[in-house]
Amino acid sequence: MSDAKNEHVPCVEITPCGISCERVIRKTESFETKCRGNKKALEMAMKTVWIVLLCLFVIAQADQGGFDVRHHLSTVTRYSVSKDVTQNLMEGSKVPSECTPIHLNLVARHGTRSPTKKRLRELESLAGRLKELVRDAEARNLPSDKIPGWLGKWVSPWQGKVKGGELIRQGEDELYQLGVRVRERFPTLFEEDYHPDVYTIRATQIPRASASAVAFGMGLFSEKGDLGPGRNRAFAVTSENRASDTKLRFFECCQNYKSYRKAKEPAVDKLKEPVLNKITASVVKRYGLSFTKQDVSSLWFLCKQEASLLNVTNQSCELFTPSEVALLEWADDLEVFILKGYGNSLNYKMGVPLLEDVLHSMEAAIKAREENLPPGSYEKARLRFAHAETIVPFSCLLGLFLDASEFEKIQKEKPLELPPQPPKTRDFKGSTMAPFGGNNMLVLYSCPAASSPKYFVQVLHNEHPIAVPFIRFCQQGCDGKDFCPLEDFKAKVVTPHLKHAFDNLCNANLDDPKQNHPSGKLSFWSWLLGSSQKTEL
């Protein structure tokens, strides 16, 4: 407790290691300034230092025996692995019992899929390359116990497949179960008889997205019809031509983004190269095999596929130590950050048509409610199924996985610093931001007529409440971090992104100084070169 003279705030919040070592460590770093002049607080600080040391010991033990590679696969992570991780969990706002949900917006990524056609060929080539490496090791009389037993006899599980990228059974189940849980969580929203204008389901023209929409709909409307033993019912899934789908495939409709990405991909590869070089050297030394950088890249891809799609973690994944996996995951996340996320404002501002669509659906629901339209005559849910290239920019538009200062930067269209390299922690992780089946839900609530304001929005990421930075600055009625008045949401999230029309962002000549460049004063090239010089491996 604080003393009468100094009124010091208690410096130590004791938390068990298993809950939040990181929080304890961050508190410890500020003890010297917070606790100066308070002997009792300093004693408590010393106790916390011992807790930190114990935490580090626990982490070290977990690194040796409790490490699960399936949590570190960037955007190849399975939804069942990712959706309940600690990073996403927070104590949600207590929604007043008299407030009722009146509309739901869902933006979801497709479920777990098979490797694409190009990657299938890469894995076929890898099988031959691994046999070649084993033969070379045997010719050099390398001890057989040093060569992983599976290496020389490995055959691609997808051998013989000529097409890929389709939704697999696990992916179907991910979306089916998501549909079941959404209906159970919001029963009043889904009590109406099905009509395509009441429950709008949209997907991109890519088959794995539309298949995900179907799987979700089967879960959402299970036992709502008369078809088959499951009493299913038919429902509509609509798609727009992929060449003009500015709401769900804006990344394919935006010419400036396509040019930007094509120009920056070599620079991203160069930024990732030191990671691959370092890990290649370590793997070669550890096993005595003549792995190349390309071999290691293919083996890491194989590890992600085996672990995520097949739950196999004792082959390719075991070639890498936990710290190497962390670095490889970070390198993948850098690519997501730079080419899809906060690395450049164009990445997410081209998704404004989707954000506008979300807002318009909410406004239409409010209008229907204000006009007392009869049930079944207006939309109650708008459900969308797309890709990581959709969900990551949309999450960025909402300002997710940012602190307040970073949110202010993107509001000013400034690029952010690269996610810090392990072992430092970071908020931007592909495994939690856009795993297979990853999703954002925005739930519109109506509160009693006597309340002011009357309409609120709750933000859910992967079905859990998530902090949105702007909400911390709400002056009234927020009741937490994930539940805020609709007008504040519109003013602080939507409106700042409406400075540029989609056509101006995507089809105008951004090199023309007369045009309003979406990246602000700092060009991406200068940011990337400057950031890469600071990156240490």
Protein backbone atom coordinates (compact mmCIF):
# COMPACT_ATOMS: atom_id res chain seq x y z
CA MET A 1 0.00 0.00 0.00
CA SER A 2 1.14 3.57 -0.50
CA ASP A 3 2.42 5.53 2.46
CA ALA A 4 0.75 8.77 3.56
CA LYS A 5 3.63 10.99 2.41
CA ASN A 6 4.56 9.60 -0.99
CA GLU A 7 1.29 7.94 -2.03
CA HIS A 8 3.14 5.35 -4.09
CA VAL A 9 0.99 2.98 -6.14
CA PRO A 10 1.77 -0.67 -5.31
CA CYS A 11 4.45 -1.75 -7.73
CA VAL A 12 3.96 -5.48 -7.85
CA GLU A 13 1.14 -7.45 -9.33
CA ILE A 14 1.96 -11.09 -8.62
CA THR A 15 0.78 -13.33 -11.44
CA PRO A 16 1.50 -17.04 -11.86
CA CYS A 17 4.06 -17.93 -14.49
CA GLY A 18 1.60 -19.98 -16.42
CA ILE A 19 -0.67 -16.98 -16.89
CA SER A 20 1.63 -14.17 -17.92
CA CYS A 21 5.40 -14.25 -17.52
CA GLU A 22 5.59 -11.45 -20.04
CA ARG A 23 3.45 -9.15 -17.94
CA VAL A 24 5.65 -9.75 -14.92
CA ILE A 25 8.80 -9.09 -16.94
CA ARG A 26 7.43 -5.85 -18.32
CA LYS A 27 6.49 -4.72 -14.82
CA THR A 28 9.96 -5.63 -13.54
CA GLU A 29 11.61 -3.45 -16.17
CA SER A 30 9.86 -0.38 -14.79
CA PHE A 31 10.42 -1.13 -11.09
CA GLU A 32 13.48 1.08 -10.77
CA THR A 33 11.53 4.19 -11.62
CA LYS A 34 8.20 3.25 -10.06
CA CYS A 35 9.52 1.93 -6.79
CA ARG A 36 12.33 4.40 -6.01
CA GLY A 37 12.02 5.61 -2.45
CA ASN A 38 9.67 2.89 -1.31
CA LYS A 39 11.54 0.20 0.61
CA LYS A 40 8.60 -2.15 0.90
CA ALA A 41 7.88 -1.89 -2.79
CA LEU A 42 11.54 -2.60 -3.58
CA GLU A 43 11.38 -5.76 -1.47
CA MET A 44 8.33 -6.80 -3.40
CA ALA A 45 10.17 -6.02 -6.61
CA MET A 46 13.00 -8.37 -5.61
CA LYS A 47 10.46 -11.12 -5.02
CA THR A 48 9.11 -10.51 -8.47
CA VAL A 49 12.62 -10.77 -9.93
CA TRP A 50 12.76 -14.29 -8.51
CA ILE A 51 9.40 -14.98 -10.10
CA VAL A 52 10.81 -13.78 -13.42
CA LEU A 53 13.78 -16.12 -13.05
CA LEU A 54 11.42 -18.97 -12.31
CA CYS A 55 9.36 -18.02 -15.35
CA LEU A 56 12.45 -18.08 -17.54
CA PHE A 57 13.29 -21.52 -16.20
CA VAL A 58 9.78 -22.74 -17.02
CA ILE A 59 10.05 -21.26 -20.51
CA ALA A 60 13.41 -22.98 -21.00
CA GLN A 61 11.93 -26.29 -19.94
CA ALA A 62 9.00 -25.78 -22.29
CA ASP A 63 11.44 -24.99 -25.10
CA GLN A 64 12.99 -28.39 -24.55
CA GLY A 65 9.97 -30.59 -23.97
CA GLY A 66 6.66 -28.69 -24.22
CA PHE A 67 7.15 -26.86 -27.52
CA ASP A 68 4.36 -27.48 -30.04
CA VAL A 69 5.34 -26.49 -33.56
CA ARG A 70 1.66 -26.41 -34.58
CA HIS A 71 1.33 -23.07 -32.78
CA HIS A 72 4.08 -21.50 -34.90
CA LEU A 73 3.07 -22.02 -38.53
CA SER A 74 2.11 -18.42 -39.40
CA THR A 75 -0.92 -18.37 -41.71
CA VAL A 76 -0.75 -22.17 -42.23
CA THR A 77 -1.90 -22.68 -38.61
CA ARG A 78 -5.08 -24.69 -38.04
CA TYR A 79 -8.03 -22.83 -36.54
CA SER A 80 -8.50 -25.32 -33.72
CA VAL A 81 -4.91 -24.69 -32.62
CA SER A 82 -5.07 -20.91 -32.87
CA LYS A 83 -8.49 -19.72 -31.82
CA ASP A 84 -8.02 -20.02 -28.04
CA VAL A 85 -4.38 -18.94 -27.70
CA THR A 86 -3.59 -16.54 -24.87
CA GLN A 87 -2.79 -13.67 -27.21
CA ASN A 88 -6.42 -13.50 -28.31
CA LEU A 89 -8.03 -13.88 -24.90
CA MET A 90 -9.27 -10.95 -22.89
CA GLU A 91 -12.11 -10.43 -20.49
CA GLY A 92 -14.94 -9.30 -22.70
CA SER A 93 -17.19 -6.41 -21.88
CA LYS A 94 -20.27 -7.26 -19.91
CA VAL A 95 -22.96 -6.51 -22.46
CA PRO A 96 -26.02 -5.18 -20.60
CA SER A 97 -28.75 -7.81 -20.48
CA GLU A 98 -31.28 -5.39 -21.93
CA CYS A 99 -29.13 -4.91 -25.07
CA THR A 100 -29.87 -7.37 -27.88
CA PRO A 101 -27.87 -8.25 -31.02
CA ILE A 102 -29.70 -7.12 -34.17
CA HIS A 103 -27.11 -7.73 -36.89
CA LEU A 104 -23.95 -9.74 -37.41
CA ASN A 105 -21.12 -9.14 -39.86
CA LEU A 106 -18.66 -11.99 -40.43
CA VAL A 107 -15.47 -11.86 -42.49
CA ALA A 108 -13.81 -15.28 -42.49
CA ARG A 109 -10.91 -16.99 -44.19
CA HIS A 110 -11.46 -20.36 -45.84
CA GLY A 111 -10.64 -23.48 -43.83
CA THR A 112 -7.57 -25.70 -43.99
CA ARG A 113 -6.68 -26.53 -47.57
CA SER A 114 -4.27 -28.80 -49.44
CA PRO A 115 -1.03 -27.45 -50.97
CA THR A 116 -1.47 -25.58 -54.24
CA LYS A 117 -0.46 -27.07 -57.60
CA LYS A 118 2.87 -25.22 -57.64
CA ARG A 119 3.72 -26.41 -54.14
CA LEU A 120 2.79 -29.99 -55.00
CA ARG A 121 5.51 -29.96 -57.66
CA GLU A 122 7.97 -28.52 -55.15
CA LEU A 123 7.27 -31.39 -52.75
CA GLU A 124 7.72 -33.97 -55.53
CA SER A 125 11.13 -32.47 -56.28
CA LEU A 126 12.00 -32.42 -52.57
CA ALA A 127 11.51 -36.21 -52.31
CA GLY A 128 14.17 -36.80 -54.96
CA ARG A 129 16.46 -34.22 -53.42
CA LEU A 130 16.29 -35.86 -49.97
CA LYS A 131 17.26 -39.23 -51.43
CA GLU A 132 20.18 -37.55 -53.15
CA LEU A 133 21.34 -36.01 -49.87
CA VAL A 134 21.20 -39.39 -48.11
CA ARG A 135 23.20 -41.06 -50.89
CA ASP A 136 25.80 -38.32 -50.66
CA ALA A 137 26.02 -38.76 -46.86
CA GLU A 138 26.47 -42.51 -47.22
CA ALA A 139 29.21 -41.98 -49.81
CA ARG A 140 31.01 -39.79 -47.27
CA ASN A 141 30.59 -42.50 -44.62
CA LEU A 142 28.50 -40.25 -42.39
CA PRO A 143 27.37 -42.24 -39.31
CA SER A 144 23.91 -43.64 -40.04
CA ASP A 145 22.59 -42.63 -36.63
CA LYS A 146 23.17 -38.99 -37.57
CA ILE A 147 20.82 -39.21 -40.56
CA PRO A 148 17.11 -38.98 -39.63
CA GLY A 149 15.61 -42.37 -40.45
CA TRP A 150 12.66 -41.02 -42.45
CA LEU A 151 14.74 -38.82 -44.72
CA GLY A 152 15.82 -41.25 -47.45
CA LYS A 153 12.48 -43.03 -47.75
CA TRP A 154 10.19 -40.01 -47.58
CA VAL A 155 7.49 -39.84 -50.21
CA SER A 156 5.16 -36.89 -50.56
CA PRO A 157 1.72 -37.68 -49.08
CA TRP A 158 0.33 -35.77 -52.06
CA GLN A 159 2.28 -37.78 -54.62
CA GLY A 160 0.37 -38.18 -57.85
CA LYS A 161 -1.99 -35.27 -57.25
CA VAL A 162 -2.16 -32.90 -60.20
CA LYS A 163 -4.50 -30.31 -58.69
CA GLY A 164 -4.36 -28.67 -55.27
CA GLY A 165 -5.58 -25.85 -53.07
CA GLU A 166 -8.95 -27.45 -52.32
CA LEU A 167 -10.65 -27.39 -48.92
CA ILE A 168 -9.84 -30.63 -47.09
CA ARG A 169 -12.04 -32.50 -44.62
CA GLN A 170 -10.49 -30.81 -41.60
CA GLY A 171 -11.22 -27.45 -43.23
CA GLU A 172 -14.82 -28.43 -43.84
CA ASP A 173 -15.21 -29.36 -40.19
CA GLU A 174 -13.60 -26.10 -39.02
CA LEU A 175 -16.21 -24.04 -40.85
CA TYR A 176 -19.10 -26.37 -40.05
CA GLN A 177 -18.37 -26.17 -36.32
CA LEU A 178 -17.92 -22.40 -36.56
CA GLY A 179 -21.41 -22.17 -38.06
CA VAL A 180 -22.85 -24.25 -35.22
CA ARG A 181 -21.14 -22.10 -32.56
CA VAL A 182 -22.25 -18.81 -34.15
CA ARG A 183 -25.90 -19.94 -34.13
CA GLU A 184 -25.63 -21.11 -30.51
CA ARG A 185 -23.98 -17.86 -29.44
CA PHE A 186 -26.53 -15.59 -31.13
CA PRO A 187 -29.78 -17.61 -31.10
CA THR A 188 -32.06 -14.59 -31.52
CA LEU A 189 -30.30 -13.61 -34.74
CA PHE A 190 -30.85 -17.00 -36.32
CA GLU A 191 -34.38 -17.85 -35.18
CA GLU A 192 -35.96 -16.68 -38.45
CA ASP A 193 -36.77 -19.02 -41.32
CA TYR A 194 -34.00 -18.94 -43.88
CA HIS A 195 -34.21 -16.43 -46.70
CA PRO A 196 -31.21 -15.29 -48.78
CA ASP A 197 -32.06 -11.64 -48.11
CA VAL A 198 -32.17 -12.24 -44.35
CA TYR A 199 -28.99 -14.32 -44.15
CA THR A 200 -26.68 -13.17 -46.93
CA ILE A 201 -23.80 -15.55 -47.65
CA ARG A 202 -21.05 -14.39 -49.98
CA ALA A 203 -17.81 -16.03 -51.08
CA THR A 204 -15.10 -15.36 -53.61
CA GLN A 205 -15.08 -17.36 -56.82
CA ILE A 206 -12.19 -19.47 -55.54
CA PRO A 207 -13.60 -22.97 -54.79
CA ARG A 208 -12.08 -23.33 -51.31
CA ALA A 209 -13.82 -20.11 -50.24
CA SER A 210 -17.22 -21.10 -51.59
CA ALA A 211 -16.81 -24.62 -50.14
CA SER A 212 -16.06 -23.00 -46.77
CA ALA A 213 -19.25 -20.95 -47.08
CA VAL A 214 -21.22 -24.13 -47.76
CA ALA A 215 -19.68 -25.94 -44.78
CA PHE A 216 -20.44 -22.96 -42.54
CA GLY A 217 -24.02 -22.76 -43.80
CA MET A 218 -24.56 -26.47 -43.17
CA GLY A 219 -23.55 -25.91 -39.54
CA LEU A 220 -25.53 -22.69 -39.21
CA PHE A 221 -28.74 -24.17 -40.61
CA SER A 222 -28.35 -27.76 -39.41
CA GLU A 223 -31.66 -29.30 -38.33
CA LYS A 224 -33.45 -26.31 -39.89
CA GLY A 225 -34.70 -28.20 -42.94
CA ASP A 226 -35.82 -31.61 -44.17
CA LEU A 227 -32.91 -32.78 -46.33
CA GLY A 228 -31.31 -36.06 -45.31
CA PRO A 229 -30.63 -37.48 -41.85
CA GLY A 230 -29.14 -34.17 -40.70
CA ARG A 231 -32.35 -32.31 -41.61
CA ASN A 232 -30.31 -29.87 -43.66
CA ARG A 233 -31.72 -27.21 -45.90
CA ALA A 234 -30.59 -25.61 -49.13
CA PHE A 235 -29.19 -22.08 -49.01
CA ALA A 236 -27.65 -19.66 -51.46
CA VAL A 237 -23.98 -18.64 -51.72
CA THR A 238 -23.34 -15.74 -54.08
CA SER A 239 -20.07 -14.68 -55.67
CA GLU A 240 -18.93 -11.73 -57.72
CA ASN A 241 -16.62 -12.03 -60.68
CA ARG A 242 -13.10 -12.23 -59.28
CA ALA A 243 -11.95 -9.49 -61.66
CA SER A 244 -14.41 -6.99 -60.17
CA ASP A 245 -14.87 -8.21 -56.58
CA THR A 246 -13.65 -5.11 -54.76
CA LYS A 247 -15.16 -6.23 -51.44
CA LEU A 248 -13.55 -9.66 -50.99
CA ARG A 249 -10.80 -9.80 -53.63
CA PHE A 250 -9.76 -6.15 -53.65
CA PHE A 251 -6.12 -7.29 -53.79
CA GLU A 252 -6.78 -8.71 -57.27
CA CYS A 253 -8.73 -5.66 -58.47
CA CYS A 254 -6.18 -3.07 -57.31
CA GLN A 255 -3.63 -2.48 -60.08
CA ASN A 256 -1.36 -0.29 -57.96
CA TYR A 257 -1.23 -2.98 -55.27
CA LYS A 258 -0.40 -5.69 -57.81
CA SER A 259 2.45 -3.54 -59.13
CA TYR A 260 3.60 -2.74 -55.62
CA ARG A 261 3.63 -6.39 -54.59
CA LYS A 262 5.48 -7.53 -57.70
CA ALA A 263 8.14 -4.86 -57.11
CA LYS A 264 8.54 -5.58 -53.40
CA GLU A 265 8.58 -9.39 -53.33
CA PRO A 266 12.32 -9.56 -54.23
CA ALA A 267 13.09 -7.12 -51.40
CA VAL A 268 11.07 -9.23 -48.97
CA ASP A 269 12.95 -12.35 -50.08
CA LYS A 270 16.21 -10.51 -49.47
CA LEU A 271 15.03 -9.48 -46.01
CA LYS A 272 14.25 -13.12 -45.17
CA GLU A 273 17.50 -14.43 -46.63
CA PRO A 274 19.70 -13.98 -43.52
CA VAL A 275 17.26 -16.14 -41.54
CA LEU A 276 17.47 -18.94 -44.09
CA ASN A 277 21.25 -18.62 -44.31
CA LYS A 278 21.67 -18.82 -40.56
CA ILE A 279 19.34 -21.79 -40.14
CA THR A 280 20.81 -23.61 -43.15
CA ALA A 281 24.27 -23.37 -41.60
CA SER A 282 22.95 -24.71 -38.29
CA VAL A 283 21.05 -27.61 -39.88
CA VAL A 284 24.06 -28.59 -42.01
CA LYS A 285 26.31 -28.58 -38.95
CA ARG A 286 23.81 -30.55 -36.87
CA TYR A 287 23.19 -33.36 -39.36
CA GLY A 288 26.26 -33.28 -41.59
CA LEU A 289 24.03 -33.24 -44.69
CA SER A 290 24.64 -30.86 -47.58
CA PHE A 291 21.39 -28.93 -47.28
CA THR A 292 21.08 -25.82 -49.41
CA LYS A 293 19.08 -22.72 -48.56
CA GLN A 294 16.39 -23.91 -50.98
CA ASP A 295 16.31 -27.32 -49.26
CA VAL A 296 15.70 -25.67 -45.90
CA SER A 297 12.98 -23.44 -47.37
CA SER A 298 11.22 -26.49 -48.85
CA LEU A 299 11.61 -28.47 -45.63
CA TRP A 300 10.08 -25.64 -43.63
CA PHE A 301 7.16 -25.58 -46.06
CA LEU A 302 6.85 -29.36 -45.67
CA CYS A 303 6.92 -28.99 -41.88
CA LYS A 304 4.01 -26.55 -42.01
CA GLN A 305 1.98 -28.85 -44.25
CA GLU A 306 2.72 -31.99 -42.23
CA ALA A 307 2.02 -30.36 -38.88
CA SER A 308 -1.11 -28.47 -39.93
CA LEU A 309 -2.78 -30.87 -42.37
CA LEU A 310 -1.57 -34.24 -41.10
CA ASN A 311 -0.66 -33.62 -37.43
CA VAL A 312 2.78 -35.07 -38.17
CA THR A 313 5.43 -33.26 -36.13
CA ASN A 314 8.20 -35.88 -35.80
CA GLN A 315 9.68 -35.70 -39.31
CA SER A 316 10.53 -32.47 -41.14
CA CYS A 317 9.58 -30.32 -38.15
CA GLU A 318 12.10 -32.14 -35.93
CA LEU A 319 14.93 -31.00 -38.18
CA PHE A 320 14.54 -27.55 -36.60
CA THR A 321 15.04 -26.48 -32.99
CA PRO A 322 12.29 -24.43 -31.30
CA SER A 323 14.35 -21.26 -31.65
CA GLU A 324 14.83 -21.94 -35.37
CA VAL A 325 11.10 -22.51 -35.79
CA ALA A 326 10.48 -19.17 -34.07
CA LEU A 327 12.82 -17.44 -36.53
CA LEU A 328 11.23 -19.11 -39.55
CA GLU A 329 7.78 -18.17 -38.29
CA TRP A 330 8.96 -14.58 -37.82
CA ALA A 331 10.31 -14.48 -41.37
CA ASP A 332 6.93 -15.66 -42.67
CA ASP A 333 5.18 -13.04 -40.55
CA LEU A 334 7.47 -10.34 -41.97
CA GLU A 335 6.21 -11.23 -45.42
CA VAL A 336 2.59 -11.04 -44.26
CA PHE A 337 3.27 -7.72 -42.51
CA ILE A 338 4.99 -6.11 -45.50
CA LEU A 339 2.85 -7.45 -48.34
CA LYS A 340 -0.57 -7.74 -46.67
CA GLY A 341 -0.50 -5.83 -43.39
CA TYR A 342 0.70 -2.70 -41.68
CA GLY A 343 3.91 -2.39 -43.72
CA ASN A 344 2.22 -0.05 -46.20
CA SER A 345 -1.12 1.73 -45.99
CA LEU A 346 -2.12 0.65 -49.51
CA ASN A 347 -2.19 -2.97 -48.27
CA TYR A 348 -5.24 -2.33 -46.13
CA LYS A 349 -6.76 0.89 -47.48
CA MET A 350 -7.67 -0.94 -50.67
CA GLY A 351 -10.00 -2.95 -48.39
CA VAL A 352 -12.14 0.12 -47.63
CA PRO A 353 -15.02 -1.13 -49.86
CA LEU A 354 -15.35 -4.08 -47.49
CA LEU A 355 -15.35 -1.83 -44.42
CA GLU A 356 -17.97 0.39 -46.07
CA ASP A 357 -20.07 -2.70 -46.84
CA VAL A 358 -19.95 -3.68 -43.15
CA LEU A 359 -21.04 -0.21 -42.08
CA HIS A 360 -23.83 0.00 -44.67
CA SER A 361 -25.25 -3.35 -43.52
CA MET A 362 -25.34 -2.05 -39.94
CA GLU A 363 -27.07 1.16 -40.99
CA ALA A 364 -29.65 -0.80 -42.99
CA ALA A 365 -30.38 -2.98 -39.93
CA ILE A 366 -30.87 0.13 -37.78
CA LYS A 367 -33.19 1.67 -40.36
CA ALA A 368 -35.28 -1.51 -40.49
CA ARG A 369 -35.52 -1.55 -36.69
CA GLU A 370 -36.42 2.14 -36.48
CA GLU A 371 -39.17 1.62 -39.08
CA ASN A 372 -40.51 -1.44 -37.20
CA LEU A 373 -40.29 -3.67 -40.26
CA PRO A 374 -41.68 -7.17 -39.65
CA PRO A 375 -39.27 -10.05 -38.90
CA GLY A 376 -38.09 -11.84 -42.00
CA SER A 377 -38.20 -8.71 -44.14
CA TYR A 378 -34.67 -7.41 -43.52
CA GLU A 379 -31.12 -8.70 -43.26
CA LYS A 380 -29.91 -10.00 -39.90
CA ALA A 381 -26.48 -11.37 -40.88
CA ARG A 382 -24.01 -10.78 -43.69
CA LEU A 383 -21.55 -13.67 -43.87
CA ARG A 384 -18.43 -13.49 -46.06
CA PHE A 385 -15.79 -16.11 -46.92
CA ALA A 386 -12.49 -15.19 -48.51
CA HIS A 387 -8.73 -15.42 -47.99
CA ALA A 388 -5.79 -14.38 -45.82
CA GLU A 389 -5.29 -11.50 -48.28
CA THR A 390 -8.77 -10.36 -47.19
CA ILE A 391 -8.75 -11.01 -43.45
CA VAL A 392 -5.34 -9.43 -42.76
CA PRO A 393 -6.11 -6.06 -44.41
CA PHE A 394 -9.56 -6.01 -42.80
CA SER A 395 -8.02 -6.61 -39.37
CA CYS A 396 -5.62 -3.76 -40.07
CA LEU A 397 -8.49 -1.45 -41.01
CA LEU A 398 -9.97 -2.19 -37.58
CA GLY A 399 -6.62 -1.49 -35.94
CA LEU A 400 -6.32 -4.94 -34.36
CA PHE A 401 -3.08 -6.11 -32.74
CA LEU A 402 -1.87 -2.54 -32.25
CA ASP A 403 -1.21 -0.39 -29.24
CA ALA A 404 -2.55 3.16 -29.06
CA SER A 405 0.56 4.87 -30.47
CA GLU A 406 0.68 2.49 -33.43
CA PHE A 407 -3.00 3.07 -34.12
CA GLU A 408 -2.34 6.80 -34.27
CA LYS A 409 0.40 6.14 -36.82
CA ILE A 410 -1.82 4.22 -39.20
CA GLN A 411 -4.49 6.89 -38.86
CA LYS A 412 -1.83 9.25 -40.23
CA GLU A 413 -0.96 6.68 -42.93
CA LYS A 414 2.55 6.09 -41.63
CA PRO A 415 4.18 2.64 -41.85
CA LEU A 416 4.99 0.82 -38.64
CA GLU A 417 8.23 -0.72 -37.47
CA LEU A 418 8.83 -4.31 -38.46
CA PRO A 419 7.62 -6.88 -35.91
CA PRO A 420 10.50 -7.48 -33.48
CA GLN A 421 12.66 -10.54 -33.94
CA PRO A 422 12.43 -13.48 -31.50
CA PRO A 423 12.97 -13.93 -28.62
CA LYS A 424 11.22 -10.56 -28.31
CA THR A 425 7.45 -10.87 -28.32
CA ARG A 426 5.20 -9.33 -30.93
CA ASP A 427 1.49 -8.77 -31.41
CA PHE A 428 1.51 -9.24 -35.18
CA LYS A 429 1.46 -13.00 -35.77
CA GLY A 430 0.00 -14.73 -38.78
CA SER A 431 -0.95 -17.74 -36.65
CA THR A 432 -3.41 -15.67 -34.61
CA MET A 433 -4.30 -12.96 -37.11
CA ALA A 434 -5.20 -15.16 -40.08
CA PRO A 435 -5.05 -18.91 -39.42
CA PHE A 436 -7.12 -21.22 -41.59
CA GLY A 437 -10.73 -20.35 -40.75
CA GLY A 438 -9.65 -17.12 -38.99
CA ASN A 439 -12.45 -14.57 -38.71
CA ASN A 440 -13.62 -11.18 -37.51
CA MET A 441 -17.17 -10.62 -36.31
CA LEU A 442 -18.77 -7.25 -35.69
CA VAL A 443 -21.98 -7.56 -33.72
CA LEU A 444 -24.43 -4.67 -33.71
CA TYR A 445 -26.44 -4.30 -30.49
CA SER A 446 -29.56 -2.31 -29.82
CA CYS A 447 -29.99 -1.03 -26.27
CA PRO A 448 -33.13 0.37 -24.59
CA ALA A 449 -34.69 3.48 -26.11
CA ALA A 450 -33.95 5.41 -22.91
CA SER A 451 -30.20 4.77 -23.21
CA SER A 452 -27.89 7.14 -25.00
CA PRO A 453 -26.28 6.14 -27.26
CA LYS A 454 -28.67 3.43 -28.41
CA TYR A 455 -26.51 1.30 -30.75
CA PHE A 456 -23.23 -0.40 -29.90
CA VAL A 457 -20.69 -2.53 -31.74
CA GLN A 458 -18.79 -5.46 -30.26
CA VAL A 459 -15.65 -6.68 -32.03
CA LEU A 460 -14.71 -10.38 -31.94
CA HIS A 461 -11.61 -11.93 -33.45
CA ASN A 462 -11.62 -15.71 -33.83
CA GLU A 463 -14.76 -15.66 -31.66
CA HIS A 464 -13.13 -13.86 -28.73
CA PRO A 465 -13.45 -10.22 -27.65
CA ILE A 466 -10.44 -8.24 -28.80
CA ALA A 467 -9.19 -4.80 -27.86
CA VAL A 468 -9.56 -2.14 -30.52
CA PRO A 469 -7.14 0.72 -29.76
CA PHE A 470 -9.52 3.57 -30.53
CA ILE A 471 -11.95 2.34 -27.87
CA ARG A 472 -9.47 3.29 -25.15
CA PHE A 473 -10.16 6.93 -26.01
CA CYS A 474 -13.95 6.73 -25.91
CA GLN A 475 -15.30 9.32 -23.53
CA GLN A 476 -18.50 7.56 -22.55
CA GLY A 477 -20.37 4.32 -22.59
CA CYS A 478 -17.61 1.97 -23.73
CA ASP A 479 -17.92 -0.46 -20.84
CA GLY A 480 -14.59 -2.09 -21.69
CA LYS A 481 -12.35 -2.50 -24.69
CA ASP A 482 -14.42 -4.40 -27.22
CA PHE A 483 -17.86 -2.78 -26.91
CA CYS A 484 -18.45 0.80 -27.97
CA PRO A 485 -21.08 3.16 -29.38
CA LEU A 486 -21.62 2.77 -33.12
CA GLU A 487 -21.08 6.48 -33.67
CA ASP A 488 -17.63 6.28 -32.08
CA PHE A 489 -16.80 3.27 -34.23
CA LYS A 490 -17.84 5.18 -37.34
CA ALA A 491 -15.96 8.34 -36.36
CA LYS A 492 -12.74 6.76 -35.13
CA VAL A 493 -12.34 3.68 -37.34
CA VAL A 494 -14.33 4.04 -40.55
CA THR A 495 -14.20 7.75 -41.37
CA PRO A 496 -10.38 8.19 -41.19
CA HIS A 497 -10.04 5.49 -43.86
CA LEU A 498 -12.40 7.18 -46.31
CA LYS A 499 -9.96 9.84 -47.49
CA HIS A 500 -9.24 7.97 -50.70
CA ALA A 501 -11.71 6.32 -53.06
CA PHE A 502 -10.84 2.80 -54.23
CA ASP A 503 -10.27 3.93 -57.82
CA ASN A 504 -7.95 6.73 -56.73
CA LEU A 505 -5.94 4.34 -54.56
CA CYS A 506 -5.78 1.51 -57.04
CA ASN A 507 -5.90 2.97 -60.53
CA ALA A 508 -4.43 6.46 -60.20
CA ASN A 509 -0.79 7.14 -60.99
CA LEU A 510 0.62 7.23 -57.46
CA ASP A 511 3.98 8.42 -58.74
CA ASP A 512 2.34 11.66 -59.81
CA PRO A 513 3.13 14.21 -57.06
CA LYS A 514 -0.31 15.71 -57.63
CA GLN A 515 -1.90 12.46 -56.47
CA ASN A 516 -2.48 11.78 -52.78
CA HIS A 517 -0.04 8.95 -52.11
CA PRO A 518 -1.46 6.38 -49.65
CA SER A 519 1.88 5.80 -47.99
CA GLY A 520 2.30 9.28 -46.61
CA LYS A 521 5.61 11.12 -46.81
CA LEU A 522 7.77 8.09 -46.09
CA SER A 523 8.07 5.79 -49.10
CA PHE A 524 7.97 2.07 -48.59
CA TRP A 525 11.41 1.64 -50.16
CA SER A 526 13.04 4.00 -47.67
CA TRP A 527 11.17 2.27 -44.83
CA LEU A 528 12.18 -1.21 -45.99
CA LEU A 529 15.83 -0.34 -46.53
CA GLY A 530 15.99 1.51 -43.24
CA SER A 531 14.29 -1.29 -41.34
CA SER A 532 16.36 -4.02 -42.90
CA GLN A 533 19.55 -2.29 -41.84
CA LYS A 534 18.32 -2.35 -38.25
CA THR A 535 17.34 -5.99 -38.29
CA GLU A 536 19.84 -8.20 -36.48
CA LEU A 537 19.88 -11.97 -36.63
